[in-house]
């Protein structure tokens, strides 16, 4: 299994990727449908718990400006049953991290 190469995910460090993007911002963390971000995790917990009870798991870690995901990946190995929410605004970096997670 090969490693994902950063050189194929080149970015300009000081560009403003938000200048031409539109984002919907939630009013509060409780307004977020976390199951949209973690469908496999929620599906697993729904089958393990009572089907009538609603699963209300939320991320316990937030990695703001996660870059290439070093902290996020390290935390995921230390806390495999914990939801971690990583945020990065640079699209090419997000693509790199998603490839890294899949491998």
N, C-alpha and C. Protein backbone atom coordinates (compact mmCIF):
# COMPACT_ATOMS: atom_id res chain seq x y z
N UNK A 1 0.85 -1.16 0.00
CA UNK A 1 0.00 0.00 0.00
C UNK A 1 0.90 1.24 0.00
N UNK A 2 0.73 2.11 -0.99
CA UNK A 2 1.57 3.29 -1.09
C UNK A 2 1.05 4.44 -0.25
N UNK A 3 1.95 5.34 0.05
CA UNK A 3 1.57 6.52 0.83
C UNK A 3 1.06 7.61 -0.11
N UNK A 4 0.15 8.42 0.37
CA UNK A 4 -0.35 9.55 -0.39
C UNK A 4 0.73 10.62 -0.41
N UNK A 5 1.00 11.18 -1.57
CA UNK A 5 2.06 12.18 -1.71
C UNK A 5 1.48 13.59 -1.63
N UNK A 6 2.04 14.41 -0.76
CA UNK A 6 1.59 15.80 -0.62
C UNK A 6 1.86 16.59 -1.89
N UNK A 7 2.92 16.25 -2.62
CA UNK A 7 3.29 17.06 -3.78
C UNK A 7 2.20 17.07 -4.85
N UNK A 8 1.30 16.10 -4.83
CA UNK A 8 0.21 16.07 -5.81
C UNK A 8 -0.99 16.88 -5.35
N UNK A 9 -0.90 17.46 -4.18
CA UNK A 9 -1.99 18.25 -3.62
C UNK A 9 -1.49 19.67 -3.33
N UNK A 10 -0.84 20.28 -4.31
CA UNK A 10 -0.26 21.61 -4.13
C UNK A 10 -1.31 22.66 -3.85
N UNK A 11 -0.97 23.59 -2.98
CA UNK A 11 -1.87 24.67 -2.62
C UNK A 11 -1.07 25.95 -2.45
N UNK A 12 -1.77 27.06 -2.53
CA UNK A 12 -1.17 28.35 -2.20
C UNK A 12 -1.51 28.63 -0.75
N UNK A 13 -0.52 28.76 0.08
CA UNK A 13 -0.73 28.89 1.52
C UNK A 13 -1.50 30.15 1.90
N UNK A 14 -1.34 31.21 1.14
CA UNK A 14 -1.95 32.48 1.55
C UNK A 14 -3.08 32.91 0.63
N UNK A 15 -3.75 31.97 0.01
CA UNK A 15 -4.92 32.30 -0.78
C UNK A 15 -6.15 32.31 0.13
N UNK A 16 -7.21 32.93 -0.33
CA UNK A 16 -8.44 32.96 0.46
C UNK A 16 -9.47 32.07 -0.21
N UNK A 17 -9.55 30.80 0.18
CA UNK A 17 -10.51 29.90 -0.46
C UNK A 17 -11.95 30.23 -0.13
N UNK A 18 -12.19 31.08 0.84
CA UNK A 18 -13.56 31.45 1.20
C UNK A 18 -14.10 32.58 0.32
N UNK A 19 -13.24 33.20 -0.48
CA UNK A 19 -13.67 34.36 -1.26
C UNK A 19 -14.73 34.01 -2.29
N UNK A 20 -14.73 32.78 -2.80
CA UNK A 20 -15.73 32.40 -3.79
C UNK A 20 -16.55 31.19 -3.36
N UNK A 21 -16.63 30.95 -2.08
CA UNK A 21 -17.38 29.82 -1.55
C UNK A 21 -18.54 30.33 -0.70
N UNK A 22 -19.62 29.57 -0.72
CA UNK A 22 -20.75 29.87 0.16
C UNK A 22 -20.92 28.71 1.13
N UNK A 23 -20.95 29.01 2.41
CA UNK A 23 -21.09 28.00 3.44
C UNK A 23 -22.32 28.30 4.28
N UNK A 24 -23.03 27.27 4.66
CA UNK A 24 -24.11 27.41 5.63
C UNK A 24 -23.52 27.16 7.00
N UNK A 25 -23.68 28.12 7.90
CA UNK A 25 -23.14 27.99 9.24
C UNK A 25 -24.27 27.63 10.20
N UNK A 26 -24.08 26.60 11.03
CA UNK A 26 -25.13 26.24 11.99
C UNK A 26 -25.22 27.27 13.10
N UNK A 27 -26.41 27.38 13.66
CA UNK A 27 -26.64 28.32 14.76
C UNK A 27 -25.86 27.89 15.99
N UNK A 28 -25.81 26.57 16.25
CA UNK A 28 -25.09 26.04 17.40
C UNK A 28 -24.72 24.58 17.10
N UNK A 29 -23.80 24.00 17.88
CA UNK A 29 -23.45 22.59 17.66
C UNK A 29 -24.65 21.65 17.77
N UNK A 30 -25.63 22.00 18.60
CA UNK A 30 -26.79 21.13 18.73
C UNK A 30 -27.67 21.15 17.48
N UNK A 31 -27.49 22.13 16.61
CA UNK A 31 -28.27 22.22 15.37
C UNK A 31 -27.65 21.40 14.24
N UNK A 32 -26.50 20.80 14.48
CA UNK A 32 -25.81 20.03 13.44
C UNK A 32 -26.31 18.59 13.46
N UNK A 33 -26.58 18.05 12.28
CA UNK A 33 -26.95 16.64 12.16
C UNK A 33 -25.64 15.86 12.01
N UNK A 34 -25.07 15.44 13.12
CA UNK A 34 -23.77 14.78 13.11
C UNK A 34 -23.79 13.47 12.33
N UNK A 35 -24.95 12.81 12.26
CA UNK A 35 -25.02 11.55 11.53
C UNK A 35 -24.74 11.74 10.04
N UNK A 36 -24.90 12.97 9.52
CA UNK A 36 -24.55 13.24 8.12
C UNK A 36 -23.03 13.17 7.91
N UNK A 37 -22.27 13.51 8.94
CA UNK A 37 -20.80 13.49 8.85
C UNK A 37 -20.22 12.12 9.20
N UNK A 38 -20.94 11.35 10.01
CA UNK A 38 -20.45 10.05 10.49
C UNK A 38 -21.49 8.95 10.26
N UNK A 39 -21.91 8.72 9.01
CA UNK A 39 -23.01 7.76 8.79
C UNK A 39 -22.69 6.34 9.23
N UNK A 40 -21.47 5.86 9.00
CA UNK A 40 -21.12 4.49 9.39
C UNK A 40 -21.10 4.35 10.91
N UNK A 41 -20.58 5.33 11.59
CA UNK A 41 -20.49 5.32 13.05
C UNK A 41 -21.90 5.27 13.66
N UNK A 42 -22.79 6.14 13.16
CA UNK A 42 -24.15 6.17 13.68
C UNK A 42 -24.90 4.89 13.36
N UNK A 43 -24.72 4.35 12.16
CA UNK A 43 -25.39 3.11 11.79
C UNK A 43 -24.97 1.97 12.72
N UNK A 44 -23.68 1.90 13.03
CA UNK A 44 -23.17 0.86 13.92
C UNK A 44 -23.78 1.00 15.31
N UNK A 45 -23.86 2.22 15.83
CA UNK A 45 -24.41 2.43 17.18
C UNK A 45 -25.91 2.21 17.23
N UNK A 46 -26.61 2.46 16.13
CA UNK A 46 -28.05 2.23 16.11
C UNK A 46 -28.36 0.74 16.14
N UNK A 47 -27.53 -0.07 15.49
CA UNK A 47 -27.76 -1.51 15.51
C UNK A 47 -27.40 -2.11 16.86
N UNK A 48 -26.47 -1.48 17.58
CA UNK A 48 -26.05 -1.99 18.88
C UNK A 48 -26.98 -1.56 20.01
N UNK A 49 -27.72 -0.46 19.81
CA UNK A 49 -28.59 0.04 20.87
C UNK A 49 -30.05 -0.23 20.50
N UNK A 50 -30.91 0.15 21.39
CA UNK A 50 -32.34 0.00 21.15
C UNK A 50 -32.75 0.83 19.94
N UNK A 51 -33.43 0.23 18.99
CA UNK A 51 -33.81 0.92 17.76
C UNK A 51 -34.73 2.11 18.01
N UNK A 52 -35.45 2.12 19.12
CA UNK A 52 -36.37 3.22 19.39
C UNK A 52 -35.66 4.43 20.00
N UNK A 53 -34.49 4.23 20.58
CA UNK A 53 -33.78 5.37 21.16
C UNK A 53 -32.92 6.03 20.10
N UNK A 54 -32.84 7.34 20.18
CA UNK A 54 -32.06 8.10 19.21
C UNK A 54 -30.61 8.18 19.65
N UNK A 55 -29.70 7.96 18.72
CA UNK A 55 -28.28 8.07 19.02
C UNK A 55 -27.91 9.55 19.00
N UNK A 56 -27.30 10.05 20.07
CA UNK A 56 -26.95 11.47 20.16
C UNK A 56 -25.47 11.63 20.48
N UNK A 57 -24.65 10.98 19.70
CA UNK A 57 -23.21 11.11 19.90
C UNK A 57 -22.72 12.37 19.18
N UNK A 58 -21.79 13.05 19.82
CA UNK A 58 -21.22 14.25 19.22
C UNK A 58 -19.69 14.15 19.29
N UNK A 59 -18.99 14.87 18.41
CA UNK A 59 -17.52 14.84 18.47
C UNK A 59 -17.01 15.35 19.81
N UNK A 60 -15.97 14.69 20.29
CA UNK A 60 -15.34 15.12 21.54
C UNK A 60 -14.07 15.92 21.28
N UNK A 61 -13.55 15.83 20.06
CA UNK A 61 -12.37 16.59 19.67
C UNK A 61 -12.70 17.39 18.42
N UNK A 62 -12.20 18.62 18.34
CA UNK A 62 -12.30 19.43 17.13
C UNK A 62 -10.89 19.89 16.77
N UNK A 63 -10.46 19.57 15.58
CA UNK A 63 -9.16 19.98 15.09
C UNK A 63 -9.39 21.08 14.06
N UNK A 64 -9.34 22.33 14.52
CA UNK A 64 -9.62 23.48 13.66
C UNK A 64 -8.35 23.85 12.89
N UNK A 65 -8.48 23.92 11.57
CA UNK A 65 -7.32 24.17 10.73
C UNK A 65 -6.41 22.96 10.75
N UNK A 66 -6.97 21.79 10.48
CA UNK A 66 -6.26 20.52 10.68
C UNK A 66 -5.08 20.30 9.72
N UNK A 67 -4.96 21.14 8.69
CA UNK A 67 -3.84 20.96 7.77
C UNK A 67 -3.85 19.58 7.16
N UNK A 68 -2.71 18.90 7.20
CA UNK A 68 -2.59 17.59 6.58
C UNK A 68 -3.03 16.45 7.51
N UNK A 69 -3.66 16.76 8.62
CA UNK A 69 -4.32 15.75 9.45
C UNK A 69 -3.46 14.99 10.43
N UNK A 70 -2.27 15.46 10.73
CA UNK A 70 -1.38 14.74 11.63
C UNK A 70 -1.99 14.52 13.01
N UNK A 71 -2.51 15.57 13.62
CA UNK A 71 -3.11 15.45 14.94
C UNK A 71 -4.37 14.59 14.89
N UNK A 72 -5.19 14.80 13.88
CA UNK A 72 -6.44 14.03 13.75
C UNK A 72 -6.17 12.54 13.64
N UNK A 73 -5.22 12.17 12.80
CA UNK A 73 -4.89 10.75 12.63
C UNK A 73 -4.32 10.17 13.92
N UNK A 74 -3.45 10.91 14.59
CA UNK A 74 -2.87 10.44 15.85
C UNK A 74 -3.95 10.25 16.91
N UNK A 75 -4.87 11.21 17.02
CA UNK A 75 -5.95 11.09 18.00
C UNK A 75 -6.86 9.91 17.68
N UNK A 76 -7.10 9.65 16.39
CA UNK A 76 -7.99 8.55 16.02
C UNK A 76 -7.44 7.20 16.42
N UNK A 77 -6.12 7.06 16.45
CA UNK A 77 -5.54 5.78 16.89
C UNK A 77 -5.57 5.66 18.42
N UNK A 78 -5.49 6.79 19.12
CA UNK A 78 -5.55 6.76 20.58
C UNK A 78 -6.98 6.64 21.11
N UNK A 79 -7.94 7.17 20.35
CA UNK A 79 -9.35 7.17 20.77
C UNK A 79 -10.23 6.63 19.65
N UNK A 80 -10.14 5.34 19.36
CA UNK A 80 -10.85 4.77 18.19
C UNK A 80 -12.37 4.81 18.28
N UNK A 81 -12.94 4.94 19.46
CA UNK A 81 -14.40 4.98 19.61
C UNK A 81 -14.94 6.39 19.82
N UNK A 82 -14.10 7.38 19.57
CA UNK A 82 -14.46 8.78 19.79
C UNK A 82 -14.59 9.50 18.46
N UNK A 83 -15.62 10.33 18.34
CA UNK A 83 -15.78 11.12 17.13
C UNK A 83 -14.83 12.31 17.17
N UNK A 84 -14.14 12.55 16.06
CA UNK A 84 -13.21 13.67 15.93
C UNK A 84 -13.64 14.47 14.72
N UNK A 85 -13.82 15.76 14.88
CA UNK A 85 -14.25 16.63 13.79
C UNK A 85 -13.08 17.50 13.38
N UNK A 86 -12.60 17.32 12.17
CA UNK A 86 -11.46 18.10 11.67
C UNK A 86 -11.94 19.08 10.61
N UNK A 87 -11.48 20.32 10.71
CA UNK A 87 -11.89 21.36 9.78
C UNK A 87 -10.69 21.96 9.07
N UNK A 88 -10.81 22.08 7.77
CA UNK A 88 -9.76 22.69 6.94
C UNK A 88 -10.46 23.36 5.77
N UNK A 89 -10.06 24.59 5.45
CA UNK A 89 -10.75 25.33 4.39
C UNK A 89 -10.10 25.16 3.02
N UNK A 90 -8.89 24.63 2.97
CA UNK A 90 -8.21 24.48 1.68
C UNK A 90 -8.61 23.15 1.03
N UNK A 91 -9.30 23.24 -0.09
CA UNK A 91 -9.89 22.06 -0.73
C UNK A 91 -8.87 20.99 -1.10
N UNK A 92 -7.72 21.38 -1.61
CA UNK A 92 -6.71 20.38 -1.99
C UNK A 92 -6.14 19.66 -0.78
N UNK A 93 -6.03 20.35 0.33
CA UNK A 93 -5.56 19.71 1.56
C UNK A 93 -6.62 18.72 2.06
N UNK A 94 -7.89 19.11 1.96
CA UNK A 94 -8.98 18.20 2.35
C UNK A 94 -8.93 16.94 1.50
N UNK A 95 -8.71 17.10 0.19
CA UNK A 95 -8.60 15.94 -0.70
C UNK A 95 -7.47 15.01 -0.26
N UNK A 96 -6.33 15.59 0.09
CA UNK A 96 -5.18 14.80 0.55
C UNK A 96 -5.53 14.01 1.81
N UNK A 97 -6.15 14.68 2.79
CA UNK A 97 -6.48 14.02 4.06
C UNK A 97 -7.50 12.92 3.83
N UNK A 98 -8.48 13.15 2.97
CA UNK A 98 -9.47 12.11 2.68
C UNK A 98 -8.80 10.88 2.06
N UNK A 99 -7.86 11.09 1.15
CA UNK A 99 -7.12 9.96 0.59
C UNK A 99 -6.30 9.24 1.68
N UNK A 100 -5.72 10.02 2.58
CA UNK A 100 -4.92 9.45 3.67
C UNK A 100 -5.79 8.58 4.59
N UNK A 101 -7.00 9.03 4.87
CA UNK A 101 -7.91 8.27 5.74
C UNK A 101 -8.31 6.96 5.08
N UNK A 102 -8.59 7.00 3.79
CA UNK A 102 -9.01 5.79 3.08
C UNK A 102 -7.90 4.74 3.08
N UNK A 103 -6.66 5.18 2.94
CA UNK A 103 -5.53 4.24 2.93
C UNK A 103 -5.26 3.79 4.33
